[in-house]
N, C-alpha and C. Protein backbone atom coordinates (compact mmCIF):
# COMPACT_ATOMS: atom_id res chain seq x y z
N MET A 1 238.89 35.48 -114.37
CA MET A 1 238.87 35.16 -112.96
C MET A 1 238.10 33.85 -112.77
N PRO A 2 238.69 32.88 -112.03
CA PRO A 2 238.02 31.60 -111.84
C PRO A 2 236.78 31.74 -110.95
N ASP A 3 235.83 30.84 -111.14
CA ASP A 3 234.63 30.83 -110.30
C ASP A 3 234.95 30.33 -108.89
N ILE A 4 235.93 29.44 -108.79
CA ILE A 4 236.36 28.90 -107.50
C ILE A 4 237.86 29.07 -107.39
N ARG A 5 238.31 29.55 -106.24
CA ARG A 5 239.75 29.61 -105.94
C ARG A 5 239.93 29.30 -104.48
N ILE A 6 240.68 28.24 -104.19
CA ILE A 6 240.93 27.83 -102.82
C ILE A 6 242.44 27.66 -102.65
N GLU A 7 242.97 28.25 -101.61
CA GLU A 7 244.40 28.11 -101.29
C GLU A 7 244.53 27.45 -99.93
N LYS A 8 245.38 26.43 -99.86
CA LYS A 8 245.61 25.71 -98.61
C LYS A 8 247.11 25.63 -98.37
N ARG A 9 247.55 26.18 -97.26
CA ARG A 9 248.96 26.09 -96.86
C ARG A 9 249.20 24.72 -96.25
N HIS A 10 250.42 24.21 -96.42
CA HIS A 10 250.78 22.93 -95.82
C HIS A 10 252.20 23.00 -95.27
N ASN A 11 252.51 22.05 -94.40
CA ASN A 11 253.85 21.96 -93.80
C ASN A 11 254.57 20.70 -94.22
N LEU A 12 254.23 20.17 -95.37
CA LEU A 12 254.83 18.94 -95.88
C LEU A 12 256.03 19.27 -96.75
N ASP A 13 257.00 18.32 -96.79
CA ASP A 13 258.08 18.51 -97.76
C ASP A 13 257.48 18.25 -99.15
N LEU A 14 258.15 18.72 -100.19
CA LEU A 14 257.58 18.67 -101.54
C LEU A 14 257.27 17.25 -101.99
N GLN A 15 258.13 16.29 -101.68
CA GLN A 15 257.87 14.91 -102.10
C GLN A 15 256.61 14.35 -101.44
N THR A 16 256.44 14.61 -100.15
CA THR A 16 255.25 14.14 -99.44
C THR A 16 254.01 14.85 -99.98
N ALA A 17 254.12 16.15 -100.23
CA ALA A 17 253.00 16.90 -100.79
C ALA A 17 252.61 16.36 -102.16
N ARG A 18 253.60 16.01 -102.98
CA ARG A 18 253.31 15.42 -104.29
C ARG A 18 252.55 14.11 -104.14
N SER A 19 253.01 13.29 -103.22
CA SER A 19 252.35 12.01 -102.98
C SER A 19 250.90 12.22 -102.54
N GLN A 20 250.67 13.16 -101.65
CA GLN A 20 249.32 13.46 -101.18
C GLN A 20 248.45 14.00 -102.31
N ALA A 21 249.02 14.85 -103.14
CA ALA A 21 248.26 15.41 -104.27
C ALA A 21 247.83 14.30 -105.23
N LYS A 22 248.71 13.38 -105.50
CA LYS A 22 248.39 12.28 -106.41
C LYS A 22 247.32 11.38 -105.81
N LYS A 23 247.38 11.14 -104.51
CA LYS A 23 246.33 10.34 -103.84
C LYS A 23 244.99 11.05 -103.94
N TRP A 24 245.00 12.36 -103.72
CA TRP A 24 243.76 13.15 -103.79
C TRP A 24 243.16 13.07 -105.19
N LEU A 25 243.99 13.19 -106.22
CA LEU A 25 243.50 13.11 -107.59
C LEU A 25 242.96 11.72 -107.92
N GLU A 26 243.63 10.69 -107.43
CA GLU A 26 243.13 9.33 -107.66
C GLU A 26 241.77 9.13 -107.01
N GLU A 27 241.60 9.67 -105.80
CA GLU A 27 240.30 9.58 -105.14
C GLU A 27 239.23 10.31 -105.95
N ALA A 28 239.57 11.49 -106.47
CA ALA A 28 238.62 12.26 -107.28
C ALA A 28 238.25 11.50 -108.55
N LYS A 29 239.21 10.82 -109.16
CA LYS A 29 238.94 10.03 -110.35
C LYS A 29 237.93 8.93 -110.05
N MET A 30 238.18 8.22 -108.94
CA MET A 30 237.30 7.09 -108.60
C MET A 30 235.93 7.56 -108.11
N GLN A 31 235.92 8.59 -107.28
CA GLN A 31 234.67 9.02 -106.65
C GLN A 31 233.79 9.84 -107.58
N PHE A 32 234.40 10.72 -108.39
CA PHE A 32 233.63 11.66 -109.20
C PHE A 32 233.80 11.47 -110.71
N GLY A 33 234.67 10.57 -111.12
CA GLY A 33 234.87 10.32 -112.54
C GLY A 33 235.56 11.46 -113.28
N VAL A 34 236.38 12.24 -112.57
CA VAL A 34 237.07 13.36 -113.23
C VAL A 34 238.24 12.84 -114.05
N ASN A 35 238.61 13.59 -115.05
CA ASN A 35 239.85 13.37 -115.79
C ASN A 35 240.90 14.26 -115.15
N ALA A 36 242.02 13.69 -114.74
CA ALA A 36 243.06 14.47 -114.08
C ALA A 36 244.42 14.09 -114.65
N VAL A 37 245.23 15.10 -114.90
CA VAL A 37 246.58 14.90 -115.40
C VAL A 37 247.52 15.69 -114.50
N TYR A 38 248.55 15.03 -113.99
CA TYR A 38 249.50 15.64 -113.04
C TYR A 38 250.86 15.79 -113.71
N HIS A 39 251.46 16.97 -113.56
CA HIS A 39 252.79 17.25 -114.12
C HIS A 39 253.70 17.76 -113.01
N GLU A 40 254.82 17.08 -112.80
CA GLU A 40 255.81 17.55 -111.82
C GLU A 40 256.71 18.58 -112.48
N GLY A 41 256.91 19.69 -111.77
CA GLY A 41 257.83 20.72 -112.22
C GLY A 41 259.02 20.79 -111.29
N VAL A 42 259.90 21.72 -111.52
CA VAL A 42 261.08 21.88 -110.67
C VAL A 42 260.67 22.40 -109.30
N ASP A 43 259.94 23.50 -109.26
CA ASP A 43 259.51 24.10 -108.01
C ASP A 43 257.99 24.05 -107.81
N THR A 44 257.25 23.92 -108.89
CA THR A 44 255.79 23.92 -108.84
C THR A 44 255.24 22.82 -109.73
N ASP A 45 254.34 22.03 -109.17
CA ASP A 45 253.64 21.00 -109.93
C ASP A 45 252.29 21.56 -110.35
N THR A 46 251.76 21.04 -111.44
CA THR A 46 250.44 21.46 -111.91
C THR A 46 249.59 20.23 -112.20
N ALA A 47 248.32 20.41 -112.07
CA ALA A 47 247.37 19.36 -112.43
C ALA A 47 246.19 20.01 -113.12
N THR A 48 245.65 19.32 -114.09
CA THR A 48 244.40 19.75 -114.72
C THR A 48 243.34 18.73 -114.35
N VAL A 49 242.16 19.23 -114.04
CA VAL A 49 241.05 18.39 -113.62
C VAL A 49 239.83 18.82 -114.42
N ASN A 50 239.24 17.87 -115.13
CA ASN A 50 238.07 18.19 -115.96
C ASN A 50 236.99 17.15 -115.74
N THR A 51 235.77 17.63 -115.67
CA THR A 51 234.60 16.79 -115.66
C THR A 51 233.46 17.61 -116.25
N SER A 52 232.34 17.05 -116.40
CA SER A 52 231.22 17.76 -117.00
C SER A 52 230.93 19.06 -116.26
N GLY A 53 231.15 20.17 -116.93
CA GLY A 53 230.84 21.48 -116.37
C GLY A 53 231.91 22.11 -115.51
N VAL A 54 233.03 21.42 -115.29
CA VAL A 54 234.09 21.95 -114.43
C VAL A 54 235.43 21.77 -115.12
N ASP A 55 236.16 22.89 -115.28
CA ASP A 55 237.53 22.87 -115.77
C ASP A 55 238.41 23.43 -114.67
N GLY A 56 239.21 22.57 -114.04
CA GLY A 56 240.01 22.99 -112.90
C GLY A 56 241.49 22.84 -113.14
N ARG A 57 242.24 23.54 -112.32
CA ARG A 57 243.69 23.45 -112.33
C ARG A 57 244.18 23.59 -110.89
N ALA A 58 245.24 22.89 -110.59
CA ALA A 58 245.83 22.96 -109.26
C ALA A 58 247.32 23.22 -109.40
N PHE A 59 247.83 23.95 -108.44
CA PHE A 59 249.25 24.31 -108.41
C PHE A 59 249.78 23.94 -107.03
N LEU A 60 250.86 23.18 -106.99
CA LEU A 60 251.44 22.72 -105.74
C LEU A 60 252.88 23.18 -105.66
N ASP A 61 253.24 23.79 -104.54
CA ASP A 61 254.65 24.11 -104.31
C ASP A 61 255.02 23.69 -102.89
N ALA A 62 256.17 24.13 -102.43
CA ALA A 62 256.71 23.66 -101.17
C ALA A 62 255.89 24.08 -99.94
N ASP A 63 255.00 25.06 -100.07
CA ASP A 63 254.26 25.48 -98.88
C ASP A 63 252.75 25.64 -99.06
N LYS A 64 252.25 25.43 -100.29
CA LYS A 64 250.81 25.59 -100.49
C LYS A 64 250.33 24.84 -101.73
N VAL A 65 249.01 24.65 -101.75
CA VAL A 65 248.35 24.12 -102.93
C VAL A 65 247.20 25.09 -103.24
N ILE A 66 247.06 25.41 -104.51
CA ILE A 66 246.00 26.32 -104.97
C ILE A 66 245.15 25.56 -105.98
N PHE A 67 243.84 25.60 -105.80
CA PHE A 67 242.93 24.99 -106.75
C PHE A 67 242.04 26.08 -107.32
N GLU A 68 241.92 26.11 -108.63
CA GLU A 68 241.04 27.06 -109.32
C GLU A 68 240.16 26.29 -110.28
N ALA A 69 238.93 26.76 -110.45
CA ALA A 69 238.03 26.09 -111.40
C ALA A 69 237.11 27.10 -112.06
N ASP A 70 236.86 26.83 -113.32
CA ASP A 70 235.86 27.56 -114.09
C ASP A 70 234.66 26.64 -114.21
N LEU A 71 233.48 27.19 -113.93
CA LEU A 71 232.26 26.40 -113.97
C LEU A 71 231.41 26.79 -115.17
N ALA A 72 230.87 25.78 -115.83
CA ALA A 72 229.93 26.02 -116.92
C ALA A 72 228.64 26.56 -116.31
N PHE A 73 227.82 27.15 -117.14
CA PHE A 73 226.57 27.78 -116.68
C PHE A 73 225.73 26.85 -115.81
N LEU A 74 225.57 25.61 -116.24
CA LEU A 74 224.72 24.66 -115.49
C LEU A 74 225.37 24.19 -114.18
N ALA A 75 226.68 24.33 -114.05
CA ALA A 75 227.37 23.92 -112.82
C ALA A 75 227.43 25.04 -111.79
N LYS A 76 227.20 26.28 -112.21
CA LYS A 76 227.31 27.42 -111.27
C LYS A 76 226.41 27.29 -110.04
N PRO A 77 225.18 26.76 -110.15
CA PRO A 77 224.37 26.59 -108.94
C PRO A 77 224.98 25.61 -107.93
N LEU A 78 225.91 24.77 -108.38
CA LEU A 78 226.55 23.79 -107.50
C LEU A 78 227.88 24.30 -106.94
N LYS A 79 228.15 25.56 -107.11
CA LYS A 79 229.44 26.13 -106.69
C LYS A 79 229.73 25.84 -105.22
N GLY A 80 228.77 26.00 -104.34
CA GLY A 80 228.98 25.76 -102.92
C GLY A 80 229.33 24.31 -102.62
N VAL A 81 228.62 23.40 -103.25
CA VAL A 81 228.86 21.97 -103.05
C VAL A 81 230.23 21.59 -103.59
N ILE A 82 230.57 22.09 -104.77
CA ILE A 82 231.87 21.80 -105.37
C ILE A 82 232.99 22.37 -104.52
N SER A 83 232.85 23.61 -104.08
CA SER A 83 233.87 24.25 -103.23
C SER A 83 234.06 23.47 -101.93
N SER A 84 232.96 23.07 -101.32
CA SER A 84 233.05 22.31 -100.06
C SER A 84 233.78 20.99 -100.26
N GLY A 85 233.48 20.30 -101.35
CA GLY A 85 234.15 19.04 -101.64
C GLY A 85 235.64 19.21 -101.86
N ILE A 86 236.01 20.26 -102.57
CA ILE A 86 237.43 20.53 -102.82
C ILE A 86 238.12 20.88 -101.50
N GLN A 87 237.50 21.74 -100.70
CA GLN A 87 238.09 22.13 -99.42
C GLN A 87 238.26 20.92 -98.51
N GLU A 88 237.27 20.04 -98.49
CA GLU A 88 237.35 18.82 -97.67
C GLU A 88 238.53 17.95 -98.09
N GLY A 89 238.71 17.80 -99.39
CA GLY A 89 239.83 17.00 -99.89
C GLY A 89 241.18 17.64 -99.54
N LEU A 90 241.28 18.94 -99.71
CA LEU A 90 242.53 19.63 -99.36
C LEU A 90 242.82 19.50 -97.87
N ASP A 91 241.79 19.66 -97.05
CA ASP A 91 241.98 19.54 -95.60
C ASP A 91 242.42 18.13 -95.22
N ARG A 92 241.85 17.12 -95.86
CA ARG A 92 242.16 15.73 -95.53
C ARG A 92 243.59 15.36 -95.96
N TYR A 93 243.99 15.78 -97.14
CA TYR A 93 245.28 15.36 -97.67
C TYR A 93 246.45 16.30 -97.33
N PHE A 94 246.15 17.52 -96.94
CA PHE A 94 247.22 18.49 -96.68
C PHE A 94 247.18 19.07 -95.28
N ALA A 95 246.58 18.36 -94.33
CA ALA A 95 246.49 18.85 -92.95
C ALA A 95 247.81 18.70 -92.23
């Protein structure tokens, strides 16, 4: 079971949602130095996001985006801050 799981529904078409997801990942790369890899699928896209102490994955489909992350022991005290940052990004890019 992941330490963080956030689901955000959206009303975007899949192409627009993909574009927003890629923008969000680029922002995360620049702002937080994360390593992110995005893969487009037929119905569901996936992304992996890794940085020191955080191993995350995101799933995007036609009506929602789900972000899950496993936190290393030293990152667990930052769970609230990390969750808030992820939620803020999802709200900004998928509103």
